[in-house]
Amino acid sequence: MAAADFNSDQKSDLIAAHTNGNLFFYPGNGKNFASGTVSSTGWTHMRMLSAGDFTGDGKADIYAVHNSGDLYLYSGKGNGTFNTAKKTGGGWQNMRLLSEADFNGDQKSDLIAIHTNGNIHAYPGNDKGGFATPIVTPAPAI
C-alpha cells in the first residue's frame, strides 16, 4: 500500500495491490476514502510499493519490486492510473522496505530501502525516474 495524491485533487489517496493481482485506487476526500476501483492488473508478482513524484512532472508515481528483484517505475497520469511500467534496475530481492523521502533536501523524491543485512540504501532521485549513486549507511554493530 502507498499513499499520495494520485488524482491531482490535493487530497491523499491510497493504492493497494490485492493478492488477485489487481491494483486498487482509493480516492481520498480529506476525511476518508471512497471504495476502491481497479487501477491496473498483473500485480501478483509485485511487492513493496513506494509513492512520490519520481519523474518531476507533478504527478504521483509508484515504484514496485517484482519477485525477481527487478525494480519498476509506474509513472502516474494524475487520474489514479499509471503508464506502462519501466524497468529501472535489478537486484532488489534483498530489500525489505521502500520509502520515499527527500533525504538530501534537493526537492526531488528519493528512494530509501533497507537491505536484509540491515544496511540503509538511500537513492537520490533525478526527477527523470532514475537515481544517482546510492548512499549506504551500515547497520549498527550489535
C-alpha atoms as a PDB file:
ATOM      1  CA  MET A   1       0.000   0.000   0.000  1.00  0.00           C
ATOM      2  CA  ALA A   2       1.155   3.525  -0.726  1.00  0.00           C
ATOM      3  CA  ALA A   3      -0.339   6.975  -0.158  1.00  0.00           C
ATOM      4  CA  ALA A   4      -0.054  10.111  -2.303  1.00  0.00           C
ATOM      5  CA  ASP A   5      -2.279  12.432  -4.346  1.00  0.00           C
ATOM      6  CA  PHE A   6      -2.754  10.124  -7.328  1.00  0.00           C
ATOM      7  CA  ASN A   7      -5.676  12.007  -8.910  1.00  0.00           C
ATOM      8  CA  SER A   8      -4.366  15.592  -8.622  1.00  0.00           C
ATOM      9  CA  ASP A   9      -7.147  16.884  -6.339  1.00  0.00           C
ATOM     10  CA  GLN A  10      -4.827  17.981  -3.490  1.00  0.00           C
ATOM     11  CA  LYS A  11      -6.052  15.145  -1.209  1.00  0.00           C
ATOM     12  CA  SER A  12      -4.219  11.979  -0.219  1.00  0.00           C
ATOM     13  CA  ASP A  13      -5.318   8.786  -1.933  1.00  0.00           C
ATOM     14  CA  LEU A  14      -4.321   5.160  -1.438  1.00  0.00           C
ATOM     15  CA  ILE A  15      -3.262   2.409  -3.787  1.00  0.00           C
ATOM     16  CA  ALA A  16      -3.046  -1.203  -2.732  1.00  0.00           C
ATOM     17  CA  ALA A  17      -2.148  -4.415  -4.532  1.00  0.00           C
ATOM     18  CA  HIS A  18      -4.571  -7.270  -3.897  1.00  0.00           C
ATOM     19  CA  THR A  19      -3.500 -10.918  -3.879  1.00  0.00           C
ATOM     20  CA  ASN A  20      -5.640 -11.447  -7.010  1.00  0.00           C
ATOM     21  CA  GLY A  21      -3.205  -9.226  -8.939  1.00  0.00           C
ATOM     22  CA  ASN A  22      -5.350  -6.093  -9.137  1.00  0.00           C
ATOM     23  CA  LEU A  23      -4.008  -2.703  -8.073  1.00  0.00           C
ATOM     24  CA  PHE A  24      -6.806  -0.748  -6.421  1.00  0.00           C
ATOM     25  CA  PHE A  25      -7.126   3.039  -6.282  1.00  0.00           C
ATOM     26  CA  TYR A  26      -8.941   4.539  -3.284  1.00  0.00           C
ATOM     27  CA  PRO A  27      -9.589   8.285  -3.755  1.00  0.00           C
ATOM     28  CA  GLY A  28      -9.458  10.351  -0.586  1.00  0.00           C
ATOM     29  CA  ASN A  29     -11.723  13.287   0.234  1.00  0.00           C
ATOM     30  CA  GLY A  30      -9.752  14.692   3.158  1.00  0.00           C
ATOM     31  CA  LYS A  31     -11.747  12.712   5.741  1.00  0.00           C
ATOM     32  CA  ASN A  32     -11.849   9.129   4.462  1.00  0.00           C
ATOM     33  CA  PHE A  33     -11.503   7.078   1.280  1.00  0.00           C
ATOM     34  CA  ALA A  34     -14.052   6.071  -1.338  1.00  0.00           C
ATOM     35  CA  SER A  35     -14.485   2.479  -2.468  1.00  0.00           C
ATOM     36  CA  GLY A  36     -11.578   1.151  -4.465  1.00  0.00           C
ATOM     37  CA  THR A  37     -11.551   0.808  -8.223  1.00  0.00           C
ATOM     38  CA  VAL A  38      -9.152  -1.313 -10.256  1.00  0.00           C
ATOM     39  CA  SER A  39      -6.333   0.908 -11.483  1.00  0.00           C
ATOM     40  CA  SER A  40      -4.314  -1.841 -13.174  1.00  0.00           C
ATOM     41  CA  THR A  41      -3.842  -5.609 -13.229  1.00  0.00           C
ATOM     42  CA  GLY A  42      -0.930  -8.040 -13.204  1.00  0.00           C
ATOM     43  CA  TRP A  43       0.365  -7.302  -9.710  1.00  0.00           C
ATOM     44  CA  THR A  44       0.535 -10.897  -8.408  1.00  0.00           C
ATOM     45  CA  HIS A  45       4.337 -10.914  -8.530  1.00  0.00           C
ATOM     46  CA  MET A  46       4.895  -7.383  -7.255  1.00  0.00           C
ATOM     47  CA  ARG A  47       5.709  -6.363  -3.709  1.00  0.00           C
ATOM     48  CA  MET A  48       6.767  -3.243  -1.853  1.00  0.00           C
ATOM     49  CA  LEU A  49       5.296  -0.033  -3.159  1.00  0.00           C
ATOM     50  CA  SER A  50       6.592   3.473  -2.662  1.00  0.00           C
ATOM     51  CA  ALA A  51       4.892   6.626  -3.935  1.00  0.00           C
ATOM     52  CA  GLY A  52       6.333  10.020  -4.850  1.00  0.00           C
ATOM     53  CA  ASP A  53       6.915  12.274  -7.820  1.00  0.00           C
ATOM     54  CA  PHE A  54       9.942  10.460  -9.203  1.00  0.00           C
ATOM     55  CA  THR A  55       9.592  11.898 -12.738  1.00  0.00           C
ATOM     56  CA  GLY A  56       9.363  15.594 -11.797  1.00  0.00           C
ATOM     57  CA  ASP A  57       6.070  16.197 -13.628  1.00  0.00           C
ATOM     58  CA  GLY A  58       3.998  16.991 -10.529  1.00  0.00           C
ATOM     59  CA  LYS A  59       2.107  13.675 -10.663  1.00  0.00           C
ATOM     60  CA  ALA A  60       2.450  10.874  -8.119  1.00  0.00           C
ATOM     61  CA  ASP A  61       4.342   7.832  -9.384  1.00  0.00           C
ATOM     62  CA  ILE A  62       4.987   4.471  -7.762  1.00  0.00           C
ATOM     63  CA  TYR A  63       7.954   2.160  -7.568  1.00  0.00           C
ATOM     64  CA  ALA A  64       7.372  -1.558  -7.131  1.00  0.00           C
ATOM     65  CA  VAL A  65       9.669  -4.550  -6.811  1.00  0.00           C
ATOM     66  CA  HIS A  66       8.943  -7.724  -8.773  1.00  0.00           C
ATOM     67  CA  ASN A  67       9.578 -11.049  -7.022  1.00  0.00           C
ATOM     68  CA  SER A  68      12.553 -11.489  -9.402  1.00  0.00           C
ATOM     69  CA  GLY A  69      14.219  -8.471  -7.772  1.00  0.00           C
ATOM     70  CA  ASP A  70      13.603  -6.103 -10.706  1.00  0.00           C
ATOM     71  CA  LEU A  71      12.582  -2.540  -9.813  1.00  0.00           C
ATOM     72  CA  TYR A  72       9.793  -0.950 -11.875  1.00  0.00           C
ATOM     73  CA  LEU A  73       8.615   2.640 -12.163  1.00  0.00           C
ATOM     74  CA  TYR A  74       4.942   3.275 -12.876  1.00  0.00           C
ATOM     75  CA  SER A  75       4.629   6.945 -13.778  1.00  0.00           C
ATOM     76  CA  GLY A  76       1.325   8.461 -12.724  1.00  0.00           C
ATOM     77  CA  LYS A  77      -1.143  10.001 -15.151  1.00  0.00           C
ATOM     78  CA  GLY A  78      -2.676  12.235 -12.457  1.00  0.00           C
ATOM     79  CA  ASN A  79      -6.068  10.489 -12.606  1.00  0.00           C
ATOM     80  CA  GLY A  80      -5.449   7.450 -10.387  1.00  0.00           C
ATOM     81  CA  THR A  81      -3.980   5.337 -13.194  1.00  0.00           C
ATOM     82  CA  PHE A  82      -0.433   4.710 -14.339  1.00  0.00           C
ATOM     83  CA  ASN A  83       1.583   4.422 -17.526  1.00  0.00           C
ATOM     84  CA  THR A  84       3.181   1.151 -18.600  1.00  0.00           C
ATOM     85  CA  ALA A  85       5.907   0.019 -16.228  1.00  0.00           C
ATOM     86  CA  LYS A  86       9.516   0.888 -16.931  1.00  0.00           C
ATOM     87  CA  LYS A  87      12.191  -1.417 -15.526  1.00  0.00           C
ATOM     88  CA  THR A  88      14.787   0.752 -13.827  1.00  0.00           C
ATOM     89  CA  GLY A  89      17.001  -1.740 -12.044  1.00  0.00           C
ATOM     90  CA  GLY A  90      17.604  -5.206 -10.679  1.00  0.00           C
ATOM     91  CA  GLY A  91      18.963  -6.866  -7.572  1.00  0.00           C
ATOM     92  CA  TRP A  92      16.227  -5.633  -5.253  1.00  0.00           C
ATOM     93  CA  GLN A  93      15.254  -9.096  -3.991  1.00  0.00           C
ATOM     94  CA  ASN A  94      17.253  -8.438  -0.799  1.00  0.00           C
ATOM     95  CA  MET A  95      15.461  -5.199   0.012  1.00  0.00           C
ATOM     96  CA  ARG A  96      12.660  -5.400   2.554  1.00  0.00           C
ATOM     97  CA  LEU A  97      11.313  -1.862   2.759  1.00  0.00           C
ATOM     98  CA  LEU A  98      10.855   1.006   0.327  1.00  0.00           C
ATOM     99  CA  SER A  99      10.013   4.549   1.285  1.00  0.00           C
ATOM    100  CA  GLU A 100      10.019   7.915  -0.467  1.00  0.00           C
ATOM    101  CA  ALA A 101      11.666  10.930   1.124  1.00  0.00           C
ATOM    102  CA  ASP A 102      13.705  13.969   0.145  1.00  0.00           C
ATOM    103  CA  PHE A 103      16.597  12.985   2.376  1.00  0.00           C
ATOM    104  CA  ASN A 104      19.119  15.319   0.753  1.00  0.00           C
ATOM    105  CA  GLY A 105      16.923  18.455   0.567  1.00  0.00           C
ATOM    106  CA  ASP A 106      17.078  18.964  -3.212  1.00  0.00           C
ATOM    107  CA  GLN A 107      13.259  18.977  -3.665  1.00  0.00           C
ATOM    108  CA  LYS A 108      13.352  15.655  -5.575  1.00  0.00           C
ATOM    109  CA  SER A 109      11.809  12.355  -4.491  1.00  0.00           C
ATOM    110  CA  ASP A 110      14.445   9.933  -3.286  1.00  0.00           C
ATOM    111  CA  LEU A 111      14.012   6.231  -2.592  1.00  0.00           C
ATOM    112  CA  ILE A 112      15.080   4.681   0.701  1.00  0.00           C
ATOM    113  CA  ALA A 113      15.455   0.905   1.033  1.00  0.00           C
ATOM    114  CA  ILE A 114      16.584  -1.376   3.830  1.00  0.00           C
ATOM    115  CA  HIS A 115      18.682  -4.368   2.816  1.00  0.00           C
ATOM    116  CA  THR A 116      18.139  -7.690   4.585  1.00  0.00           C
ATOM    117  CA  ASN A 117      21.604  -7.207   6.155  1.00  0.00           C
ATOM    118  CA  GLY A 118      20.292  -4.070   7.906  1.00  0.00           C
ATOM    119  CA  ASN A 119      22.124  -1.516   5.759  1.00  0.00           C
ATOM    120  CA  ILE A 120      20.117   1.531   4.688  1.00  0.00           C
ATOM    121  CA  HIS A 121      20.383   2.392   0.991  1.00  0.00           C
ATOM    122  CA  ALA A 122      19.386   5.938   0.008  1.00  0.00           C
ATOM    123  CA  TYR A 123      18.934   6.529  -3.733  1.00  0.00           C
ATOM    124  CA  PRO A 124      18.928  10.255  -4.658  1.00  0.00           C
ATOM    125  CA  GLY A 125      16.249  10.886  -7.301  1.00  0.00           C
ATOM    126  CA  ASN A 126      16.999  12.794 -10.504  1.00  0.00           C
ATOM    127  CA  ASP A 127      13.385  13.831 -11.420  1.00  0.00           C
ATOM    128  CA  LYS A 128      13.638  11.637 -14.540  1.00  0.00           C
ATOM    129  CA  GLY A 129      12.667   8.339 -12.911  1.00  0.00           C
ATOM    130  CA  GLY A 130      16.243   7.399 -12.132  1.00  0.00           C
ATOM    131  CA  PHE A 131      18.740   7.731  -9.334  1.00  0.00           C
ATOM    132  CA  ALA A 132      22.263   8.857  -8.612  1.00  0.00           C
ATOM    133  CA  THR A 133      24.722   6.536  -6.881  1.00  0.00           C
ATOM    134  CA  PRO A 134      23.183   5.212  -3.675  1.00  0.00           C
ATOM    135  CA  ILE A 135      24.444   6.245  -0.270  1.00  0.00           C
ATOM    136  CA  VAL A 136      24.773   3.226   2.014  1.00  0.00           C
ATOM    137  CA  THR A 137      24.607   3.538   5.785  1.00  0.00           C
ATOM    138  CA  PRO A 138      25.867   0.375   7.503  1.00  0.00           C
ATOM    139  CA  ALA A 139      23.687  -1.377  10.043  1.00  0.00           C
ATOM    140  CA  PRO A 140      24.769  -0.727  13.622  1.00  0.00           C
ATOM    141  CA  ALA A 141      27.019  -3.317  15.220  1.00  0.00           C
ATOM    142  CA  ILE A 142      25.230  -5.347  17.831  1.00  0.00           C
END
